[in-house]
Amino acid sequence: MLINGCKSQCGLQKEVIILGTQVTHGRISAYKAHLRAKGVAAAAINSQRGVLCHAFKKAIREWEWVKENPVEKVSREKVRNERDRWLTLEDENRLIDACVIYATGKERTSRFPVTGFRR
């Protein structure tokens, strides 16, 4: 978890994280770099950053333990979760059938009248 990782990698103690006295954006950035080096996904890093940011916001607004949120100075990771997907012939036929039914309300009888390849 984030606190254990910070304790071992950034030299922080659990009590310090709770009070927020020595948590700096530099240490948070170092922990983020450590996670990246371990191959942790960008979305998981952003999730941990979000939990820590929320904890600091709560400590500022409700508990008045700290005056600033060092997590806000650390940028979020860019999440790239795009995929290339190729349709199989079966997927293609199902997609065309669904489009025809949606557009006309009728089942298709052949492929070419729908796609405009008529002569």
Protein backbone atom coordinates (compact mmCIF):
# COMPACT_ATOMS: atom_id res chain seq x y z
CA MET A 1 0.00 0.00 0.00
CA LEU A 2 1.02 3.61 -0.30
CA ILE A 3 2.04 4.19 3.31
CA ASN A 4 4.18 1.05 3.50
CA GLY A 5 5.78 1.91 0.16
CA CYS A 6 6.52 5.44 1.35
CA LYS A 7 8.01 4.13 4.57
CA SER A 8 10.40 1.81 2.80
CA GLN A 9 11.22 3.87 -0.30
CA CYS A 10 11.08 7.49 0.85
CA GLY A 11 12.23 7.16 4.44
CA LEU A 12 8.91 8.26 5.91
CA GLN A 13 7.36 7.03 9.11
CA LYS A 14 3.69 6.21 9.52
CA GLU A 15 3.17 8.90 12.17
CA VAL A 16 4.70 11.51 9.88
CA ILE A 17 2.32 10.59 7.06
CA ILE A 18 -0.66 10.88 9.38
CA LEU A 19 0.42 14.29 10.63
CA GLY A 20 1.73 15.38 7.24
CA THR A 21 4.75 17.23 8.63
CA GLN A 22 7.46 15.86 6.33
CA VAL A 23 5.52 14.71 3.33
CA THR A 24 6.78 16.82 0.44
CA HIS A 25 5.94 16.84 -3.22
CA GLY A 26 9.52 15.72 -3.87
CA ARG A 27 9.06 12.57 -1.81
CA ILE A 28 5.73 11.87 -3.43
CA SER A 29 7.34 12.30 -6.87
CA ALA A 30 10.12 9.92 -5.84
CA TYR A 31 7.57 7.34 -4.77
CA LYS A 32 5.70 7.80 -8.05
CA ALA A 33 8.95 7.25 -9.98
CA HIS A 34 9.59 4.12 -7.90
CA LEU A 35 6.17 2.75 -8.83
CA ARG A 36 6.78 3.53 -12.51
CA ALA A 37 10.12 1.70 -12.37
CA LYS A 38 8.38 -1.34 -10.87
CA GLY A 39 6.01 -1.38 -13.84
CA VAL A 40 2.87 -0.31 -12.01
CA ALA A 41 0.13 0.88 -14.37
CA ALA A 42 -0.48 4.62 -14.71
CA ALA A 43 -4.09 4.24 -13.57
CA ALA A 44 -2.96 2.48 -10.38
CA ILE A 45 -0.43 5.24 -9.66
CA ASN A 46 -3.14 7.87 -10.18
CA SER A 47 -5.44 5.93 -7.88
CA GLN A 48 -2.88 5.91 -5.06
CA ARG A 49 -2.16 9.59 -5.67
CA GLY A 50 -5.90 10.29 -5.44
CA VAL A 51 -6.24 8.50 -2.11
CA LEU A 52 -3.32 10.43 -0.64
CA CYS A 53 -4.64 13.72 -2.05
CA HIS A 54 -8.05 13.07 -0.53
CA ALA A 55 -6.49 12.29 2.85
CA PHE A 56 -4.62 15.59 2.79
CA LYS A 57 -7.76 17.50 1.78
CA LYS A 58 -9.60 15.95 4.69
CA ALA A 59 -6.71 16.77 7.03
CA ILE A 60 -6.84 20.41 5.87
CA ARG A 61 -10.60 21.01 5.80
CA GLU A 62 -12.00 18.86 8.58
CA TRP A 63 -9.21 18.08 10.99
CA GLU A 64 -7.03 21.18 10.51
CA TRP A 65 -3.86 19.11 10.88
CA VAL A 66 -1.97 20.61 7.95
CA LYS A 67 -2.09 23.85 5.98
CA GLU A 68 -1.25 22.71 2.44
CA ASN A 69 -1.64 19.68 0.23
CA PRO A 70 1.73 18.63 -1.26
CA VAL A 71 0.03 16.03 -3.46
CA GLU A 72 -1.58 18.75 -5.59
CA LYS A 73 1.91 19.78 -6.76
CA VAL A 74 2.55 16.30 -8.18
CA SER A 75 1.18 15.71 -11.67
CA ARG A 76 -1.04 12.82 -12.62
CA GLU A 77 0.21 10.09 -14.91
CA LYS A 78 -1.14 10.03 -18.44
CA VAL A 79 -3.29 6.93 -18.82
CA ARG A 80 -3.09 5.26 -22.23
CA ASN A 81 -5.59 2.45 -22.32
CA GLU A 82 -6.30 2.45 -26.03
CA ARG A 83 -6.55 -0.85 -27.88
CA ASP A 84 -6.68 -1.93 -31.49
CA ARG A 85 -9.43 -4.40 -32.12
CA TRP A 86 -10.17 -6.14 -35.38
CA LEU A 87 -13.62 -7.44 -36.12
CA THR A 88 -14.03 -11.06 -37.09
CA LEU A 89 -16.35 -11.90 -39.98
CA GLU A 90 -18.98 -12.97 -37.46
CA ASP A 91 -18.63 -9.67 -35.52
CA GLU A 92 -18.87 -7.72 -38.77
CA ASN A 93 -22.08 -9.48 -39.80
CA ARG A 94 -23.63 -8.96 -36.36
CA LEU A 95 -22.72 -5.26 -36.49
CA ILE A 96 -24.20 -4.78 -39.96
CA ASP A 97 -27.37 -6.66 -38.94
CA ALA A 98 -27.75 -4.48 -35.87
CA CYS A 99 -27.27 -1.29 -37.92
CA VAL A 100 -29.83 -2.37 -40.51
CA ILE A 101 -32.39 -3.31 -37.88
CA TYR A 102 -31.80 -0.02 -36.06
CA ALA A 103 -32.06 2.09 -39.23
CA THR A 104 -34.92 0.34 -41.00
CA GLY A 105 -36.61 -1.81 -38.42
CA LYS A 106 -36.24 -4.78 -40.80
CA GLU A 107 -33.85 -7.71 -41.10
CA ARG A 108 -31.36 -7.53 -43.97
CA THR A 109 -31.71 -9.95 -46.84
CA SER A 110 -28.32 -9.43 -48.48
CA ARG A 111 -25.22 -7.45 -47.77
CA PHE A 112 -24.85 -5.30 -50.86
CA PRO A 113 -28.13 -3.36 -50.81
CA VAL A 114 -27.25 -2.16 -47.32
CA THR A 115 -23.70 -1.02 -48.06
CA GLY A 116 -24.41 0.72 -51.37
CA PHE A 117 -22.56 -1.68 -53.69
CA ARG A 118 -25.53 -2.08 -56.03
CA ARG A 119 -25.16 -1.80 -59.79
